[in-house]
Amino acid sequence: MTASNEINCEKFLPHAPSAVWAALTDPALHARWWAAGDVKPLVGHRFTLDMGAWGSQPCEVTEVEPERLLSYRFAEGTLDTTITWRLVPEGRGTRLFLTHAGFDLDSPLGRQAHDGMGHGWPHVLAHLGTVLDETPA
């Protein structure tokens, strides 16, 4: 993580990029490790993620490179941040990089979200790994 207005995490997953990509883009798998929502890897696709107590967060896909990169605006109208997933093949697995950028650190909401998500993202990535371990190849 950095001291800037973004959160950066990475995790090695002993799964092929195709499996990691499926977890990022298949709504049924996505709901198992993070949040329910109609995520699709199509630029311009709008969807919402059910963030439980934090409500439904509107998103829009902004960039797609199959099995390499997925980026979308997150919480449009409130946080107005961007989540970018980058997948890099590594040995028999995938190194997954997450950048969650654009937090307004001058606003109480932006600061609170940055701090909370900074602590939360590593747990979400660990849960992703668990779900992948439990999912047939």
C-alpha atoms as a PDB file:
ATOM      1  CA  MET A   1       0.000   0.000   0.000  1.00  0.00           C
ATOM      2  CA  THR A   2       1.090   3.573  -0.533  1.00  0.00           C
ATOM      3  CA  ALA A   3       0.502   6.849   1.295  1.00  0.00           C
ATOM      4  CA  SER A   4      -1.287   8.228  -1.784  1.00  0.00           C
ATOM      5  CA  ASN A   5      -4.968   8.202  -2.681  1.00  0.00           C
ATOM      6  CA  GLU A   6      -4.768   4.613  -3.892  1.00  0.00           C
ATOM      7  CA  ILE A   7      -4.526   1.153  -2.430  1.00  0.00           C
ATOM      8  CA  ASN A   8      -2.217  -1.397  -4.019  1.00  0.00           C
ATOM      9  CA  CYS A   9      -2.236  -5.103  -3.178  1.00  0.00           C
ATOM     10  CA  GLU A  10      -0.906  -8.199  -4.829  1.00  0.00           C
ATOM     11  CA  LYS A  11      -1.340 -11.892  -4.276  1.00  0.00           C
ATOM     12  CA  PHE A  12       0.100 -14.983  -5.873  1.00  0.00           C
ATOM     13  CA  LEU A  13      -2.606 -17.515  -6.673  1.00  0.00           C
ATOM     14  CA  PRO A  14      -1.622 -21.078  -7.653  1.00  0.00           C
ATOM     15  CA  HIS A  15      -4.231 -21.061 -10.406  1.00  0.00           C
ATOM     16  CA  ALA A  16      -4.068 -20.371 -14.141  1.00  0.00           C
ATOM     17  CA  PRO A  17      -4.958 -16.857 -15.330  1.00  0.00           C
ATOM     18  CA  SER A  18      -8.120 -18.315 -16.908  1.00  0.00           C
ATOM     19  CA  ALA A  19      -9.359 -19.461 -13.478  1.00  0.00           C
ATOM     20  CA  VAL A  20      -8.531 -16.135 -11.834  1.00  0.00           C
ATOM     21  CA  TRP A  21     -10.193 -14.285 -14.716  1.00  0.00           C
ATOM     22  CA  ALA A  22     -13.336 -16.384 -14.256  1.00  0.00           C
ATOM     23  CA  ALA A  23     -13.432 -15.461 -10.564  1.00  0.00           C
ATOM     24  CA  LEU A  24     -13.210 -11.770 -11.490  1.00  0.00           C
ATOM     25  CA  THR A  25     -15.791 -11.873 -14.282  1.00  0.00           C
ATOM     26  CA  ASP A  26     -18.298 -14.662 -13.571  1.00  0.00           C
ATOM     27  CA  PRO A  27     -21.102 -13.234 -11.406  1.00  0.00           C
ATOM     28  CA  ALA A  28     -21.687 -16.512  -9.535  1.00  0.00           C
ATOM     29  CA  LEU A  29     -18.007 -16.886  -8.624  1.00  0.00           C
ATOM     30  CA  HIS A  30     -17.618 -13.164  -7.888  1.00  0.00           C
ATOM     31  CA  ALA A  31     -20.471 -13.348  -5.366  1.00  0.00           C
ATOM     32  CA  ARG A  32     -18.679 -16.164  -3.512  1.00  0.00           C
ATOM     33  CA  TRP A  33     -15.506 -14.221  -2.762  1.00  0.00           C
ATOM     34  CA  TRP A  34     -16.541 -10.554  -2.673  1.00  0.00           C
ATOM     35  CA  ALA A  35     -19.921  -9.160  -3.718  1.00  0.00           C
ATOM     36  CA  ALA A  36     -22.950 -10.152  -5.749  1.00  0.00           C
ATOM     37  CA  GLY A  37     -23.388  -8.256  -8.994  1.00  0.00           C
ATOM     38  CA  ASP A  38     -23.762  -8.677 -12.731  1.00  0.00           C
ATOM     39  CA  VAL A  39     -20.102  -8.058 -13.552  1.00  0.00           C
ATOM     40  CA  LYS A  40     -19.172  -8.733 -17.204  1.00  0.00           C
ATOM     41  CA  PRO A  41     -15.900  -8.089 -19.029  1.00  0.00           C
ATOM     42  CA  LEU A  42     -17.394  -5.683 -21.580  1.00  0.00           C
ATOM     43  CA  VAL A  43     -16.267  -2.066 -21.836  1.00  0.00           C
ATOM     44  CA  GLY A  44     -19.228   0.177 -21.062  1.00  0.00           C
ATOM     45  CA  HIS A  45     -21.103  -2.510 -19.127  1.00  0.00           C
ATOM     46  CA  ARG A  46     -22.876  -1.005 -16.111  1.00  0.00           C
ATOM     47  CA  PHE A  47     -23.576  -3.135 -13.056  1.00  0.00           C
ATOM     48  CA  THR A  48     -24.048  -2.828  -9.328  1.00  0.00           C
ATOM     49  CA  LEU A  49     -22.241  -4.643  -6.550  1.00  0.00           C
ATOM     50  CA  ASP A  50     -24.194  -5.518  -3.408  1.00  0.00           C
ATOM     51  CA  MET A  51     -21.892  -4.343  -0.636  1.00  0.00           C
ATOM     52  CA  GLY A  52     -24.216  -5.332   2.199  1.00  0.00           C
ATOM     53  CA  ALA A  53     -24.267  -2.642   4.882  1.00  0.00           C
ATOM     54  CA  TRP A  54     -22.588  -0.211   2.444  1.00  0.00           C
ATOM     55  CA  GLY A  55     -25.410  -0.585  -0.072  1.00  0.00           C
ATOM     56  CA  SER A  56     -25.480  -1.249  -3.794  1.00  0.00           C
ATOM     57  CA  GLN A  57     -22.556   0.408  -5.541  1.00  0.00           C
ATOM     58  CA  PRO A  58     -22.865   1.370  -9.209  1.00  0.00           C
ATOM     59  CA  CYS A  59     -19.955   0.413 -11.458  1.00  0.00           C
ATOM     60  CA  GLU A  60     -18.971   0.733 -15.115  1.00  0.00           C
ATOM     61  CA  VAL A  61     -16.337  -1.325 -16.916  1.00  0.00           C
ATOM     62  CA  THR A  62     -13.726   0.961 -18.485  1.00  0.00           C
ATOM     63  CA  GLU A  63     -11.002  -1.394 -19.728  1.00  0.00           C
ATOM     64  CA  VAL A  64     -10.765  -5.085 -20.594  1.00  0.00           C
ATOM     65  CA  GLU A  65      -7.902  -7.260 -21.786  1.00  0.00           C
ATOM     66  CA  PRO A  66      -9.118 -10.869 -21.402  1.00  0.00           C
ATOM     67  CA  GLU A  67      -7.169 -12.795 -18.769  1.00  0.00           C
ATOM     68  CA  ARG A  68      -4.869  -9.780 -18.304  1.00  0.00           C
ATOM     69  CA  LEU A  69      -6.734  -6.663 -17.137  1.00  0.00           C
ATOM     70  CA  LEU A  70     -10.137  -5.590 -15.862  1.00  0.00           C
ATOM     71  CA  SER A  71     -10.837  -2.037 -14.746  1.00  0.00           C
ATOM     72  CA  TYR A  72     -14.071  -0.404 -13.641  1.00  0.00           C
ATOM     73  CA  ARG A  73     -15.366   2.707 -11.970  1.00  0.00           C
ATOM     74  CA  PHE A  74     -16.612   1.865  -8.498  1.00  0.00           C
ATOM     75  CA  ALA A  75     -19.247   3.624  -6.368  1.00  0.00           C
ATOM     76  CA  GLU A  76     -20.024   6.296  -8.942  1.00  0.00           C
ATOM     77  CA  GLY A  77     -21.628   9.311  -7.321  1.00  0.00           C
ATOM     78  CA  THR A  78     -20.183   8.661  -3.861  1.00  0.00           C
ATOM     79  CA  LEU A  79     -16.583   7.430  -3.777  1.00  0.00           C
ATOM     80  CA  ASP A  80     -15.957   7.771  -7.518  1.00  0.00           C
ATOM     81  CA  THR A  81     -12.955   5.446  -7.440  1.00  0.00           C
ATOM     82  CA  THR A  82     -11.489   2.986  -9.940  1.00  0.00           C
ATOM     83  CA  ILE A  83     -10.673  -0.669  -9.316  1.00  0.00           C
ATOM     84  CA  THR A  84      -8.128  -2.285 -11.622  1.00  0.00           C
ATOM     85  CA  TRP A  85      -7.223  -5.959 -11.602  1.00  0.00           C
ATOM     86  CA  ARG A  86      -4.063  -6.992 -13.454  1.00  0.00           C
ATOM     87  CA  LEU A  87      -3.193 -10.673 -13.958  1.00  0.00           C
ATOM     88  CA  VAL A  88       0.376 -11.772 -14.692  1.00  0.00           C
ATOM     89  CA  PRO A  89       1.183 -15.436 -15.366  1.00  0.00           C
ATOM     90  CA  GLU A  90       3.849 -16.664 -12.947  1.00  0.00           C
ATOM     91  CA  GLY A  91       5.094 -20.242 -13.050  1.00  0.00           C
ATOM     92  CA  ARG A  92       2.036 -22.468 -12.686  1.00  0.00           C
ATOM     93  CA  GLY A  93      -0.071 -19.688 -11.240  1.00  0.00           C
ATOM     94  CA  THR A  94      -1.028 -16.041 -11.480  1.00  0.00           C
ATOM     95  CA  ARG A  95       0.227 -12.933  -9.728  1.00  0.00           C
ATOM     96  CA  LEU A  96      -2.849 -10.746  -9.191  1.00  0.00           C
ATOM     97  CA  PHE A  97      -2.349  -7.005  -8.745  1.00  0.00           C
ATOM     98  CA  LEU A  98      -5.137  -4.800  -7.422  1.00  0.00           C
ATOM     99  CA  THR A  99      -5.129  -1.019  -7.612  1.00  0.00           C
ATOM    100  CA  HIS A 100      -8.043   0.828  -6.035  1.00  0.00           C
ATOM    101  CA  ALA A 101      -7.459   4.476  -6.927  1.00  0.00           C
ATOM    102  CA  GLY A 102      -9.048   7.897  -6.807  1.00  0.00           C
ATOM    103  CA  PHE A 103     -10.014   8.273  -3.151  1.00  0.00           C
ATOM    104  CA  ASP A 104     -10.725  11.873  -2.130  1.00  0.00           C
ATOM    105  CA  LEU A 105      -8.590  11.980   0.998  1.00  0.00           C
ATOM    106  CA  ASP A 106      -9.823  15.513   1.784  1.00  0.00           C
ATOM    107  CA  SER A 107     -13.369  14.249   2.399  1.00  0.00           C
ATOM    108  CA  PRO A 108     -14.338  12.286   5.519  1.00  0.00           C
ATOM    109  CA  LEU A 109     -16.049   9.605   3.379  1.00  0.00           C
ATOM    110  CA  GLY A 110     -13.041   9.261   1.095  1.00  0.00           C
ATOM    111  CA  ARG A 111     -10.596   9.045   3.997  1.00  0.00           C
ATOM    112  CA  GLN A 112     -12.767   6.524   5.877  1.00  0.00           C
ATOM    113  CA  ALA A 113     -13.215   4.369   2.748  1.00  0.00           C
ATOM    114  CA  HIS A 114      -9.481   4.482   1.972  1.00  0.00           C
ATOM    115  CA  ASP A 115      -8.546   3.446   5.490  1.00  0.00           C
ATOM    116  CA  GLY A 116     -11.211   0.729   5.716  1.00  0.00           C
ATOM    117  CA  MET A 117     -10.577  -0.723   2.286  1.00  0.00           C
ATOM    118  CA  GLY A 118      -6.834  -0.549   2.842  1.00  0.00           C
ATOM    119  CA  HIS A 119      -7.289  -2.997   5.698  1.00  0.00           C
ATOM    120  CA  GLY A 120     -10.064  -4.962   3.987  1.00  0.00           C
ATOM    121  CA  TRP A 121      -8.613  -5.700   0.559  1.00  0.00           C
ATOM    122  CA  PRO A 122      -5.966  -8.186   1.791  1.00  0.00           C
ATOM    123  CA  HIS A 123      -8.761 -10.202   3.446  1.00  0.00           C
ATOM    124  CA  VAL A 124     -10.858 -10.076   0.263  1.00  0.00           C
ATOM    125  CA  LEU A 125      -7.894 -11.359  -1.765  1.00  0.00           C
ATOM    126  CA  ALA A 126      -7.335 -14.155   0.752  1.00  0.00           C
ATOM    127  CA  HIS A 127     -11.006 -15.109   0.386  1.00  0.00           C
ATOM    128  CA  LEU A 128     -10.594 -15.096  -3.409  1.00  0.00           C
ATOM    129  CA  GLY A 129      -7.755 -17.581  -3.001  1.00  0.00           C
ATOM    130  CA  THR A 130      -9.904 -19.817  -0.819  1.00  0.00           C
ATOM    131  CA  VAL A 131     -12.764 -19.779  -3.318  1.00  0.00           C
ATOM    132  CA  LEU A 132     -10.396 -20.629  -6.167  1.00  0.00           C
ATOM    133  CA  ASP A 133      -8.959 -23.507  -4.124  1.00  0.00           C
ATOM    134  CA  GLU A 134     -12.503 -24.862  -3.655  1.00  0.00           C
ATOM    135  CA  THR A 135     -13.563 -24.405  -7.305  1.00  0.00           C
ATOM    136  CA  PRO A 136     -13.011 -27.288  -9.740  1.00  0.00           C
ATOM    137  CA  ALA A 137     -10.590 -26.395 -12.531  1.00  0.00           C
END
